[in-house]
Amino acid sequence: MENKIYSINGPVVKVKDTKDFSMLEMVYVGNKRLIGEVIGITTEYTTIQVYEVTTGLMPGEPVYPTGSPMSATLGPGILSNIFDGIERPLKKIEEISGAFIAEGTNVPSLDTEKSYDVTVKVKIGDKVSAGEIYATCPETALIEHRCMIHPSIKEAEVTWVCENGAHKIEDTIIKIKTAKGEDELKLYQKWPIRQSRPIKGRLPISRPLITGQRIIDTILPVAKGGTAAIPGGFGTGKTMTQHQLAKWCDADIIVYIGCGERGNEMTQVLEEFSELVDPKSGKALTDRTVLIANTSNMPVAAREASIYTGITLAEYYRDMGYHIAIMADSTSRWAEALREISGRLEEMPAEEGFPAYLPSRLSEFYERAGYVETLNNKEGSVTIIGAVSPQGSDFSEPVTQNTKRFVRCFWALDKSLAYARHYPAINWTSSYSEYIEDLKDFYIDACGENFIKYRQKISNILVEENKLMEIVKLIGSDVLPDDQKLIIETSRVIRVGFLQQNAYHKDDTYVPLEKQYLMMEVILHLNHMCKKLISRGITMSDILETGLFEKVIKIKYDIPNDHLEMFKDYKTEISETLNKI
């Protein structure tokens, strides 16, 4: 019996009286063969979610099963590429159909004509198992691609290997004999996007993701294999913060998911990333970046898939032994896609119209992060940094609140900071990181025993200032005693000279951890010396006349990242100047 469309409701299509489909199976819908996925089966109807525009689709058109779930093609050629939400290469589609994606465009995810210089790592007679590397090839100038035995193959014997040299992704690289029979392994494999890839075990989190952004690295760190959320209203700099992290963090590979974002923002990512040079290697940044562009004018349902496609690509590279950072911008647009499809399915809405399963979907996504031991005994990690766009900067809305439940790092962006041109506009009082304790040993090893102590002191001064500002608003700062005036002045130095960062200044766009430590040391040294003077009865106005506070604010620009020995001169100058008073 031919499966025919019974009803069409936006991206939701129903087929009546059929038993040919299984749950989460990928299908082709209509004469144009639009890509869809089975999301519901009852005795009467099979419900399909279509990932393309359904305009022009008619009841009575056929639906073709494929017998396999919605899967990502994983192999060389992913990096430096741009995909849509269902892993179709946008550059290739542009050549075929121009600026807009034509319905039913079915292009292979990876370039089948490109050759790679393959080195086979196994020989005939070798016993191999899931996750084992059987071949490598240079994918880009920065990343070596490691072809692994598919996780479903538990045990096998190599019966044939190809010669080293140039091979295309469809070429057979090795042949293996399994319990089920003979199998040919190529340069790529497929994996269902909604299923997390297997690992040997999770490892404790102990290393931070170094970003070069002082407020993140020092005050609110995120760990490799950790999760972070960046909530903020319109114009607070979510996308810009993610761009900065993508450019400078010390992950091996960046997966940037533009989920329902404006087209101009994705264009900016493309333009900036193609011009940027990776600071560690001197090669183009795109050599270690994958972009999934799923803009706001693309079909809504594809947003839902784009998040899963991105995390599957990340897990694949993690299994090779790399550290991956995912930028999901923004999970709110993804939640809106869930809401729209849920409405079309006539499900009972929960808070603000979102489906009742929103929390479980969010947790499903964030729980795929982690620092792991892979099946081939390497270490790899996936760090997820998700932007959240609450309407009107209202953090009490469902997406922000539910995200907060599943992430351990919360960088709340503040409208008033952003409008005052303070970037990154992360509010240090309403943000938090639960990774401090996990990363303590790393910071002590990298910078010395005092790092955690200095960080705590800086945080305490900012908290004190926050309390004092309530009084200052009422009665002004002139009436405060000198020791409280010192807190306000020191926290101004911390805010402007330490937490605020200039992305356009060559020494301030990325700051190494050691420089962050020395900056804290100088600020606290100034604070300590001033405290001594105030206890001797010297007024705050006399201390301010020395101009030291302004000088310390400018440290971030005046001391280059490769001349950190200059910090000693600053400490000496502070001591000498203040001792003269």
Protein backbone atom coordinates (compact mmCIF):
# COMPACT_ATOMS: atom_id res chain seq x y z
CA MET A 1 0.00 0.00 0.00
CA GLU A 2 1.27 3.44 -0.92
CA ASN A 3 1.64 5.85 2.00
CA LYS A 4 -0.18 9.07 1.18
CA ILE A 5 -0.37 12.43 2.97
CA TYR A 6 -3.67 12.81 4.82
CA SER A 7 -3.29 16.28 6.35
CA ILE A 8 -0.77 19.17 6.40
CA ASN A 9 -0.48 21.67 9.25
CA GLY A 10 2.61 23.86 8.68
CA PRO A 11 5.66 21.59 9.25
CA VAL A 12 3.44 18.79 10.69
CA VAL A 13 2.22 16.19 8.19
CA LYS A 14 -0.03 13.18 8.95
CA VAL A 15 -0.29 9.84 7.12
CA LYS A 16 -3.40 7.70 7.74
CA ASP A 17 -3.67 3.91 8.24
CA THR A 18 -0.08 2.79 7.76
CA LYS A 19 2.31 0.48 9.55
CA ASP A 20 5.38 1.15 7.37
CA PHE A 21 7.09 3.67 9.62
CA SER A 22 9.01 3.43 12.87
CA MET A 23 9.52 6.13 15.52
CA LEU A 24 12.20 8.80 14.76
CA GLU A 25 12.68 7.35 11.25
CA MET A 26 13.81 9.71 8.51
CA VAL A 27 11.34 9.93 5.62
CA TYR A 28 10.93 11.73 2.30
CA VAL A 29 7.66 13.65 2.05
CA GLY A 30 5.77 14.46 -1.17
CA ASN A 31 6.81 14.51 -4.82
CA LYS A 32 9.61 16.97 -4.01
CA ARG A 33 10.99 14.46 -1.44
CA LEU A 34 11.20 16.89 1.48
CA ILE A 35 13.21 15.63 4.44
CA GLY A 36 11.10 14.73 7.49
CA GLU A 37 11.19 12.70 10.72
CA VAL A 38 8.51 10.53 12.32
CA ILE A 39 7.59 12.04 15.70
CA GLY A 40 4.38 10.20 16.58
CA ILE A 41 2.66 6.90 15.75
CA THR A 42 -0.89 5.83 16.69
CA THR A 43 -3.09 3.08 15.27
CA GLU A 44 -4.77 5.68 13.07
CA TYR A 45 -2.10 8.27 12.17
CA THR A 46 1.66 8.58 11.72
CA THR A 47 2.82 12.15 12.44
CA ILE A 48 5.83 13.53 10.59
CA GLN A 49 7.83 16.68 11.30
CA VAL A 50 9.09 18.19 8.01
CA TYR A 51 12.40 20.06 8.09
CA GLU A 52 11.68 22.10 4.96
CA VAL A 53 9.03 24.55 3.78
CA THR A 54 5.78 22.66 3.11
CA THR A 55 4.27 25.34 0.81
CA GLY A 56 2.76 23.66 -2.26
CA LEU A 57 2.57 20.22 -0.61
CA MET A 58 -0.80 18.51 -1.17
CA PRO A 59 -2.79 15.69 0.45
CA GLY A 60 -2.50 12.48 -1.54
CA GLU A 61 1.21 12.94 -2.29
CA PRO A 62 3.38 9.93 -1.37
CA VAL A 63 5.66 9.56 1.68
CA TYR A 64 8.72 7.32 1.31
CA PRO A 65 10.26 5.50 4.31
CA THR A 66 14.07 5.16 4.52
CA GLY A 67 14.27 2.56 7.30
CA SER A 68 16.94 4.54 9.20
CA PRO A 69 16.80 7.30 11.82
CA MET A 70 17.71 10.94 11.23
CA SER A 71 21.50 10.68 11.12
CA ALA A 72 24.57 12.87 10.68
CA THR A 73 27.28 11.89 8.20
CA LEU A 74 30.59 11.95 10.09
CA GLY A 75 33.88 12.03 8.22
CA PRO A 76 36.62 14.33 6.85
CA GLY A 77 35.33 17.56 5.33
CA ILE A 78 33.18 18.66 8.28
CA LEU A 79 35.65 21.32 9.46
CA SER A 80 35.74 24.70 7.67
CA ASN A 81 32.29 23.83 6.29
CA ILE A 82 28.92 25.55 6.75
CA PHE A 83 25.84 23.37 7.16
CA ASP A 84 22.14 24.01 7.65
CA GLY A 85 20.19 22.44 10.55
CA ILE A 86 20.01 18.98 8.92
CA GLU A 87 23.67 18.90 7.82
CA ARG A 88 23.29 19.98 4.20
CA PRO A 89 26.36 21.92 2.98
CA LEU A 90 25.26 25.48 2.22
CA LYS A 91 28.19 26.30 -0.11
CA LYS A 92 27.30 23.33 -2.31
CA ILE A 93 23.57 24.20 -2.26
CA GLU A 94 24.41 27.78 -3.31
CA GLU A 95 26.15 26.43 -6.43
CA ILE A 96 23.03 24.40 -7.29
CA SER A 97 20.10 26.64 -6.34
CA GLY A 98 21.56 30.13 -5.65
CA ALA A 99 20.91 32.24 -2.55
CA PHE A 100 17.87 30.28 -1.32
CA ILE A 101 17.56 26.56 -0.64
CA ALA A 102 15.19 24.91 -3.14
CA GLU A 103 12.67 22.40 -1.69
CA GLY A 104 13.81 18.83 -1.73
CA THR A 105 17.47 19.71 -2.24
CA ASN A 106 19.29 16.55 -1.38
CA VAL A 107 23.04 17.11 -1.46
CA PRO A 108 25.58 14.78 0.23
CA SER A 109 26.77 16.31 3.52
CA LEU A 110 30.43 15.77 2.67
CA ASP A 111 32.32 16.33 -0.56
CA THR A 112 32.53 12.96 -2.33
CA GLU A 113 35.02 14.21 -4.97
CA LYS A 114 37.72 15.54 -2.65
CA SER A 115 40.73 13.30 -1.96
CA TYR A 116 42.50 12.97 1.39
CA ASP A 117 45.99 11.70 2.13
CA VAL A 118 45.03 8.58 4.13
CA THR A 119 47.41 6.63 6.42
CA VAL A 120 46.04 3.19 7.45
CA LYS A 121 46.80 2.37 11.10
CA VAL A 122 45.88 -1.36 11.13
CA LYS A 123 47.12 -4.44 9.22
CA ILE A 124 45.52 -7.70 8.06
CA GLY A 125 44.82 -10.07 10.95
CA ASP A 126 44.50 -7.30 13.59
CA LYS A 127 41.64 -7.58 16.07
CA VAL A 128 39.70 -4.29 16.26
CA SER A 129 36.78 -3.06 18.36
CA ALA A 130 34.43 -0.06 18.74
CA GLY A 131 36.14 3.33 18.70
CA GLU A 132 39.54 2.05 17.56
CA ILE A 133 41.35 4.28 15.04
CA TYR A 134 41.92 2.46 11.74
CA ALA A 135 43.07 5.37 9.54
CA THR A 136 44.10 9.04 9.78
CA CYS A 137 44.25 11.91 7.31
CA PRO A 138 44.99 15.65 7.62
CA GLU A 139 41.53 17.26 7.46
CA THR A 140 42.81 20.84 7.76
CA ALA A 141 46.19 22.41 8.49
CA LEU A 142 45.37 22.20 12.22
CA ILE A 143 43.32 19.02 12.74
CA GLU A 144 44.15 15.41 11.99
CA HIS A 145 41.04 13.36 11.20
CA ARG A 146 40.96 9.95 12.89
CA CYS A 147 38.62 7.38 11.36
CA MET A 148 37.19 5.13 14.07
CA ILE A 149 35.48 1.76 14.08
CA HIS A 150 31.72 2.36 14.36
CA PRO A 151 30.50 2.09 18.00
CA SER A 152 28.03 -0.66 17.01
CA ILE A 153 30.89 -3.05 15.98
CA LYS A 154 32.02 -4.69 19.21
CA GLU A 155 34.65 -7.10 17.84
CA ALA A 156 36.09 -7.72 14.39
CA GLU A 157 39.11 -8.94 12.46
CA VAL A 158 40.78 -6.97 9.66
CA THR A 159 40.75 -9.01 6.41
CA TRP A 160 41.94 -6.39 3.90
CA VAL A 161 43.53 -2.92 3.97
CA CYS A 162 43.98 -0.36 1.19
CA GLU A 163 47.27 1.31 0.30
CA ASN A 164 48.26 4.60 1.92
CA GLY A 165 47.73 7.65 -0.27
CA ALA A 166 44.93 9.71 -1.83
CA HIS A 167 41.40 8.38 -1.20
CA LYS A 168 37.88 9.79 -1.46
CA ILE A 169 35.38 9.37 1.39
CA GLU A 170 33.40 6.70 -0.51
CA ASP A 171 36.52 4.51 -1.05
CA THR A 172 36.80 1.32 1.01
CA ILE A 173 39.70 1.74 3.44
CA ILE A 174 39.59 -1.60 5.28
CA LYS A 175 37.48 -4.75 5.24
CA ILE A 176 36.58 -6.49 8.47
CA LYS A 177 34.97 -9.74 9.49
CA THR A 178 32.42 -9.52 12.30
CA ALA A 179 30.06 -12.05 13.88
CA LYS A 180 27.42 -10.87 11.37
CA GLY A 181 29.70 -11.28 8.34
CA GLU A 182 31.95 -9.15 6.12
CA ASP A 183 31.87 -5.35 6.38
CA GLU A 184 33.57 -2.56 4.42
CA LEU A 185 34.68 0.57 6.27
CA LYS A 186 34.98 3.86 4.43
CA LEU A 187 36.31 7.24 5.57
CA TYR A 188 32.94 8.21 7.04
CA GLN A 189 30.22 6.77 9.29
CA LYS A 190 26.64 7.70 10.19
CA TRP A 191 25.19 8.29 13.64
CA PRO A 192 21.61 9.11 14.81
CA ILE A 193 21.59 12.75 15.96
CA ARG A 194 19.24 12.25 18.90
CA GLN A 195 21.38 9.54 20.47
CA SER A 196 24.57 10.37 22.36
CA ARG A 197 27.71 8.51 21.24
CA PRO A 198 29.01 5.85 23.65
CA ILE A 199 32.07 6.44 25.83
CA LYS A 200 34.23 4.36 28.16
CA GLY A 201 33.48 6.54 31.17
CA ARG A 202 33.19 10.07 32.47
CA LEU A 203 36.25 11.67 34.08
CA PRO A 204 36.23 14.23 36.90
CA ILE A 205 36.29 17.83 35.76
CA SER A 206 39.63 19.44 36.60
CA ARG A 207 40.69 21.84 33.80
CA PRO A 208 39.17 25.21 32.95
CA LEU A 209 38.34 26.34 29.46
CA ILE A 210 40.79 29.24 29.18
CA THR A 211 39.10 32.05 27.27
CA GLY A 212 41.41 35.03 27.85
CA GLN A 213 38.39 36.98 29.20
CA ARG A 214 39.25 38.10 32.74
CA ILE A 215 35.75 38.05 34.25
CA ILE A 216 35.28 34.48 32.98
CA ASP A 217 38.72 32.96 33.65
CA THR A 218 39.20 34.52 37.07
CA ILE A 219 35.79 35.25 38.59
CA LEU A 220 33.33 32.92 36.83
CA PRO A 221 35.28 30.06 35.18
CA VAL A 222 33.78 27.31 33.05
CA ALA A 223 35.47 23.89 32.98
CA LYS A 224 36.37 21.77 29.97
CA GLY A 225 33.47 19.39 29.68
CA GLY A 226 31.27 21.84 31.61
CA THR A 227 28.10 23.75 30.76
CA ALA A 228 27.44 27.48 30.80
CA ALA A 229 24.49 29.70 29.93
CA ILE A 230 24.64 33.31 28.73
CA PRO A 231 21.20 34.84 29.29
CA GLY A 232 20.62 38.44 28.30
CA GLY A 233 18.06 40.72 26.70
CA PHE A 234 18.32 42.29 23.28
CA GLY A 235 21.55 44.24 22.71
CA THR A 236 23.40 43.00 25.81
CA GLY A 237 26.10 41.24 23.79
CA LYS A 238 25.27 37.48 23.90
CA THR A 239 26.41 36.85 20.36
CA MET A 240 29.48 39.10 20.75
CA THR A 241 30.52 37.26 23.94
CA GLN A 242 30.15 33.94 22.12
CA HIS A 243 32.20 35.26 19.20
CA GLN A 244 34.98 36.24 21.63
CA LEU A 245 34.92 32.82 23.27
CA ALA A 246 34.91 31.04 19.92
CA LYS A 247 37.90 33.09 18.74
CA TRP A 248 40.08 32.79 21.82
CA CYS A 249 39.17 29.79 23.98
CA ASP A 250 41.69 26.95 24.14
CA ALA A 251 39.37 24.26 22.74
CA ASP A 252 40.76 22.30 19.77
CA ILE A 253 37.57 22.63 17.72
CA ILE A 254 34.66 25.10 17.79
CA VAL A 255 31.13 24.10 16.75
CA TYR A 256 29.10 27.29 16.28
CA ILE A 257 25.32 26.73 16.00
CA GLY A 258 23.38 29.79 14.83
CA CYS A 259 19.94 28.56 15.82
CA GLY A 260 17.20 30.91 14.65
CA GLU A 261 19.54 33.90 14.75
CA ARG A 262 19.38 36.80 12.31
CA GLY A 263 21.14 36.26 9.00
CA ASN A 264 23.40 39.32 9.44
CA GLU A 265 24.82 37.84 12.69
CA MET A 266 25.74 34.61 10.93
CA THR A 267 27.28 36.65 8.10
CA GLN A 268 29.39 38.46 10.69
CA VAL A 269 30.59 35.13 12.11
CA LEU A 270 31.51 33.93 8.62
CA GLU A 271 33.35 37.10 7.70
CA GLU A 272 35.21 37.48 10.99
CA PHE A 273 36.20 33.84 11.32
CA SER A 274 37.51 33.62 7.76
CA GLU A 275 39.79 36.65 8.36
CA LEU A 276 40.97 35.66 11.81
CA VAL A 277 44.18 33.86 12.50
CA ASP A 278 44.27 31.18 15.20
CA PRO A 279 46.57 32.66 17.88
CA LYS A 280 48.07 29.29 18.81
CA SER A 281 49.01 28.07 15.35
CA GLY A 282 49.03 31.10 13.09
CA LYS A 283 46.61 29.31 10.67
CA ALA A 284 43.10 30.44 9.69
CA LEU A 285 40.53 30.07 12.49
CA THR A 286 38.08 28.38 10.11
CA ASP A 287 40.47 25.39 10.01
CA ARG A 288 39.13 24.34 13.40
CA THR A 289 35.56 25.62 13.14
CA VAL A 290 32.24 24.10 12.02
CA LEU A 291 29.32 26.46 11.41
CA ILE A 292 25.71 25.36 11.51
CA ALA A 293 23.73 28.24 10.09
CA ASN A 294 20.08 27.95 10.77
CA THR A 295 18.84 31.51 10.45
CA SER A 296 15.47 32.94 11.46
CA ASN A 297 14.14 32.88 7.86
CA MET A 298 14.77 29.12 7.52
CA PRO A 299 12.07 26.53 8.34
CA VAL A 300 11.24 26.45 12.05
CA ALA A 301 11.42 22.68 12.43
CA ALA A 302 15.06 22.60 11.26
CA ARG A 303 15.99 24.64 14.35
CA GLU A 304 15.00 21.73 16.47
CA ALA A 305 17.35 19.44 14.56
CA SER A 306 20.26 21.92 14.36
CA ILE A 307 21.08 21.65 18.08
CA TYR A 308 21.27 17.85 17.86
CA THR A 309 23.28 17.92 14.63
CA GLY A 310 25.81 20.27 16.27
CA ILE A 311 26.25 18.17 19.41
CA THR A 312 26.62 14.94 17.34
CA LEU A 313 29.45 16.52 15.29
CA ALA A 314 31.07 17.65 18.56
CA GLU A 315 30.84 14.16 20.11
CA TYR A 316 32.40 12.64 17.00
CA TYR A 317 35.50 14.83 17.28
CA ARG A 318 35.55 14.30 21.06
CA ASP A 319 35.80 10.55 20.42
CA MET A 320 38.99 11.22 18.44
CA GLY A 321 40.53 12.76 21.57
CA TYR A 322 39.88 16.48 20.95
CA HIS A 323 38.44 19.16 23.22
CA ILE A 324 35.36 20.77 21.67
CA ALA A 325 33.48 23.94 22.60
CA ILE A 326 29.91 24.35 21.35
CA MET A 327 28.35 27.80 21.02
CA ALA A 328 24.59 27.41 20.79
CA ASP A 329 23.09 30.76 19.83
CA SER A 330 20.36 30.75 20.93
CA THR A 331 18.57 27.97 22.80
CA SER A 332 15.54 30.27 23.24
CA ARG A 333 14.90 30.19 19.48
CA TRP A 334 15.14 26.42 19.64
CA ALA A 335 12.61 26.35 22.48
CA GLU A 336 10.34 28.59 20.37
CA ALA A 337 10.53 26.00 17.57
CA LEU A 338 9.47 23.31 20.08
CA ARG A 339 6.59 25.54 21.15
CA GLU A 340 5.40 26.07 17.59
CA ILE A 341 5.50 22.38 16.70
CA SER A 342 3.85 21.46 20.00
CA GLY A 343 1.03 23.93 19.19
CA ARG A 344 0.60 22.35 15.75
CA LEU A 345 0.33 18.93 17.40
CA GLU A 346 -2.38 20.34 19.69
CA GLU A 347 -0.51 19.29 22.84
CA MET A 348 -1.48 20.73 26.19
CA PRO A 349 0.72 23.84 26.72
CA ALA A 350 2.63 24.44 29.95
CA GLU A 351 4.06 27.76 31.19
CA GLU A 352 4.02 30.59 28.55
CA GLY A 353 2.83 28.14 25.90
CA PHE A 354 6.01 26.04 25.94
CA PRO A 355 5.49 22.26 25.90
CA ALA A 356 5.60 20.39 29.22
CA TYR A 357 8.67 18.44 28.03
CA LEU A 358 10.84 21.59 27.60
CA PRO A 359 12.91 20.86 30.79
CA SER A 360 13.65 17.26 29.74
CA ARG A 361 14.72 18.36 26.22
CA LEU A 362 17.03 21.01 27.67
CA SER A 363 18.56 18.56 30.15
CA GLU A 364 18.98 16.00 27.34
CA PHE A 365 21.01 18.56 25.40
CA TYR A 366 23.20 19.88 28.25
CA GLU A 367 23.88 16.41 29.62
CA ARG A 368 25.71 15.52 26.42
CA ALA A 369 28.55 17.77 27.63
CA GLY A 370 31.32 16.19 29.70
CA TYR A 371 35.00 15.33 30.11
CA VAL A 372 35.30 11.68 29.08
CA GLU A 373 37.54 8.74 28.42
CA THR A 374 36.80 7.65 24.86
CA LEU A 375 36.44 4.11 23.56
CA ASN A 376 40.04 4.31 22.21
CA ASN A 377 41.39 5.30 25.68
CA LYS A 378 41.97 8.96 24.85
CA GLU A 379 40.68 11.97 26.77
CA GLY A 380 38.24 14.33 25.13
CA SER A 381 35.60 16.84 26.18
CA VAL A 382 32.55 18.72 24.97
CA THR A 383 31.86 22.08 26.60
CA ILE A 384 28.44 23.60 25.91
CA ILE A 385 27.92 27.37 26.09
CA GLY A 386 24.31 28.18 25.33
CA ALA A 387 22.92 31.68 24.85
CA VAL A 388 19.41 32.36 26.15
CA SER A 389 17.31 35.30 24.89
CA PRO A 390 14.63 36.05 27.51
CA GLN A 391 11.92 38.45 26.33
CA GLY A 392 12.45 41.91 27.84
CA SER A 393 15.46 40.67 29.89
CA ASP A 394 13.04 38.80 32.16
CA PHE A 395 15.11 35.98 33.72
CA SER A 396 12.04 34.44 35.35
CA GLU A 397 10.74 33.10 31.99
CA PRO A 398 10.71 29.26 31.50
CA VAL A 399 13.72 28.80 29.16
CA THR A 400 16.11 30.77 31.44
CA GLN A 401 14.80 29.14 34.61
CA ASN A 402 14.98 25.60 33.22
CA THR A 403 18.43 26.20 31.72
CA LYS A 404 19.57 27.37 35.15
CA ARG A 405 18.62 23.94 36.52
CA PHE A 406 20.97 22.10 34.17
CA VAL A 407 24.04 24.33 33.87
CA ARG A 408 26.71 24.93 36.48
CA CYS A 409 27.84 28.28 35.18
CA PHE A 410 25.53 31.25 34.72
CA TRP A 411 26.79 34.45 33.06
CA ALA A 412 23.90 36.89 33.43
CA LEU A 413 24.25 39.81 31.00
CA ASP A 414 23.13 43.16 32.31
CA LYS A 415 21.33 45.74 30.19
CA SER A 416 22.64 48.73 32.20
CA LEU A 417 26.27 47.48 31.87
CA ALA A 418 25.86 46.96 28.12
CA TYR A 419 24.35 50.43 27.65
CA ALA A 420 27.23 51.91 29.67
CA ARG A 421 29.61 50.25 27.12
CA HIS A 422 30.97 47.87 29.76
CA TYR A 423 31.84 44.64 27.91
CA PRO A 424 31.59 41.75 28.54
CA ALA A 425 28.37 42.93 30.20
CA ILE A 426 28.35 40.04 32.71
CA ASN A 427 26.79 41.09 36.01
CA TRP A 428 29.20 39.86 38.72
CA THR A 429 26.57 39.88 41.47
CA SER A 430 23.82 37.88 39.76
CA SER A 431 26.17 35.47 37.91
CA TYR A 432 27.81 32.40 39.43
CA SER A 433 30.11 29.48 38.66
CA GLU A 434 30.01 26.17 40.52
CA TYR A 435 33.34 25.03 39.06
CA ILE A 436 35.67 26.99 41.39
CA GLU A 437 36.21 24.09 43.77
CA ASP A 438 36.79 21.59 40.91
CA LEU A 439 39.40 23.84 39.29
CA LYS A 440 41.21 24.94 42.44
CA ASP A 441 44.20 22.61 41.96
CA PHE A 442 44.67 23.71 38.34
CA TYR A 443 44.83 27.39 39.29
CA ILE A 444 47.27 26.72 42.13
CA ASP A 445 49.54 24.73 39.76
CA ALA A 446 49.30 27.31 36.96
CA CYS A 447 49.58 30.57 38.91
CA GLY A 448 50.51 29.81 42.50
CA GLU A 449 48.81 29.39 45.85
CA ASN A 450 47.49 32.92 46.02
CA PHE A 451 45.29 32.83 42.90
CA ILE A 452 42.15 31.55 44.66
CA LYS A 453 42.82 33.84 47.65
CA TYR A 454 43.14 36.93 45.38
CA ARG A 455 40.02 35.97 43.46
CA GLN A 456 38.08 35.71 46.71
CA LYS A 457 39.33 39.11 47.90
CA ILE A 458 38.35 40.75 44.60
CA SER A 459 34.89 39.16 44.77
CA ASN A 460 34.47 40.34 48.40
CA ILE A 461 35.36 43.95 47.47
CA LEU A 462 32.72 43.89 44.69
CA VAL A 463 30.09 42.53 47.11
CA GLU A 464 30.98 45.22 49.67
CA GLU A 465 30.67 47.91 47.02
CA ASN A 466 27.27 46.59 46.00
CA LYS A 467 26.02 47.02 49.59
CA LEU A 468 27.57 50.51 49.90
CA MET A 469 26.01 51.71 46.64
CA GLU A 470 22.59 51.42 48.26
CA ILE A 471 23.70 54.00 50.86
CA VAL A 472 25.48 56.17 48.25
CA LYS A 473 22.27 56.38 46.20
CA LEU A 474 20.45 57.76 49.23
CA ILE A 475 22.96 60.15 50.80
CA GLY A 476 25.91 60.49 48.39
CA SER A 477 29.50 59.24 48.79
CA ASP A 478 30.92 62.34 50.55
CA VAL A 479 29.54 61.33 53.96
CA LEU A 480 31.14 57.87 53.91
CA PRO A 481 34.17 57.22 56.12
CA ASP A 482 37.53 56.92 54.32
CA ASP A 483 37.77 53.12 54.63
CA GLN A 484 34.42 52.79 52.80
CA LYS A 485 35.49 55.35 50.21
CA LEU A 486 38.51 53.12 49.60
CA ILE A 487 36.21 50.14 48.91
CA ILE A 488 34.30 52.21 46.31
CA GLU A 489 37.50 53.43 44.65
CA THR A 490 39.14 49.97 44.63
CA SER A 491 36.04 48.36 43.16
CA ARG A 492 36.03 51.08 40.44
CA VAL A 493 39.58 49.97 39.58
CA ILE A 494 38.39 46.33 39.53
CA ARG A 495 35.34 47.14 37.39
CA VAL A 496 37.00 49.42 34.84
CA GLY A 497 40.56 48.13 34.94
CA PHE A 498 39.95 44.40 35.38
CA LEU A 499 36.41 43.26 34.54
CA GLN A 500 35.92 45.56 31.56
CA GLN A 501 37.76 44.38 28.47
CA ASN A 502 38.39 45.87 25.05
CA ALA A 503 37.96 43.37 22.21
CA TYR A 504 39.61 45.77 19.74
CA HIS A 505 42.87 46.28 21.65
CA LYS A 506 45.63 43.84 20.70
CA ASP A 507 46.77 43.27 24.33
CA ASP A 508 43.32 43.34 25.87
CA THR A 509 41.25 41.14 23.54
CA TYR A 510 42.98 38.04 24.96
CA VAL A 511 44.73 38.09 28.34
CA PRO A 512 46.86 35.11 29.48
CA LEU A 513 46.10 33.65 32.90
CA GLU A 514 49.44 34.81 34.36
CA LYS A 515 48.73 38.44 33.45
CA GLN A 516 45.26 38.18 35.05
CA TYR A 517 46.91 36.94 38.25
CA LEU A 518 49.49 39.77 38.27
CA MET A 519 46.77 42.37 37.62
CA MET A 520 44.85 41.13 40.66
CA GLU A 521 48.07 41.23 42.69
CA VAL A 522 48.76 44.90 41.79
CA ILE A 523 45.15 45.98 42.51
CA LEU A 524 45.17 44.23 45.90
CA HIS A 525 48.64 45.63 46.70
CA LEU A 526 47.31 49.15 46.07
CA ASN A 527 44.27 48.43 48.26
CA HIS A 528 46.48 47.02 51.06
CA MET A 529 48.87 50.03 51.05
CA CYS A 530 45.94 52.49 51.08
CA LYS A 531 44.34 50.67 54.03
CA LYS A 532 47.55 51.19 56.01
CA LEU A 533 47.57 54.91 55.24
CA ILE A 534 43.90 55.35 56.16
CA SER A 535 44.49 53.61 59.50
CA ARG A 536 47.19 56.29 60.14
CA GLY A 537 44.61 59.05 59.51
CA ILE A 538 45.52 60.00 55.94
CA THR A 539 42.44 60.97 53.93
CA MET A 540 41.23 59.31 50.77
CA SER A 541 41.39 62.59 48.84
CA ASP A 542 45.17 62.84 49.53
CA ILE A 543 45.67 59.29 48.27
CA LEU A 544 43.62 59.94 45.10
CA GLU A 545 45.79 62.96 44.27
CA THR A 546 48.73 60.61 43.59
CA GLY A 547 46.95 59.43 40.42
CA LEU A 548 47.82 55.78 41.24
CA PHE A 549 44.25 54.54 40.87
CA GLU A 550 44.02 55.88 37.30
CA LYS A 551 47.43 54.43 36.52
CA VAL A 552 46.43 50.95 37.77
CA ILE A 553 43.23 51.08 35.64
CA LYS A 554 45.39 51.57 32.53
CA ILE A 555 47.63 48.56 33.32
CA LYS A 556 45.60 46.42 30.95
CA TYR A 557 46.73 48.60 28.03
CA ASP A 558 50.14 49.77 29.27
CA ILE A 559 51.69 46.37 29.99
CA PRO A 560 51.95 44.16 26.87
CA ASN A 561 51.14 40.46 27.28
CA ASP A 562 54.77 39.52 26.55
CA HIS A 563 56.37 41.97 29.07
CA LEU A 564 54.89 40.81 32.35
CA GLU A 565 58.09 41.68 34.25
CA MET A 566 56.84 45.33 34.17
CA PHE A 567 54.36 44.49 36.96
CA LYS A 568 57.23 44.58 39.49
CA ASP A 569 57.93 48.23 38.58
CA TYR A 570 54.27 49.10 39.19
CA LYS A 571 54.28 47.47 42.64
CA THR A 572 57.50 49.30 43.53
CA GLU A 573 56.06 52.62 42.28
CA ILE A 574 52.87 52.14 44.35
CA SER A 575 54.88 51.42 47.50
CA GLU A 576 57.29 54.34 46.99
CA THR A 577 54.60 56.90 46.09
CA LEU A 578 52.34 55.99 49.02
CA ASN A 579 55.19 55.88 51.54
CA LYS A 580 56.01 59.50 50.69
CA ILE A 581 52.57 60.73 51.81
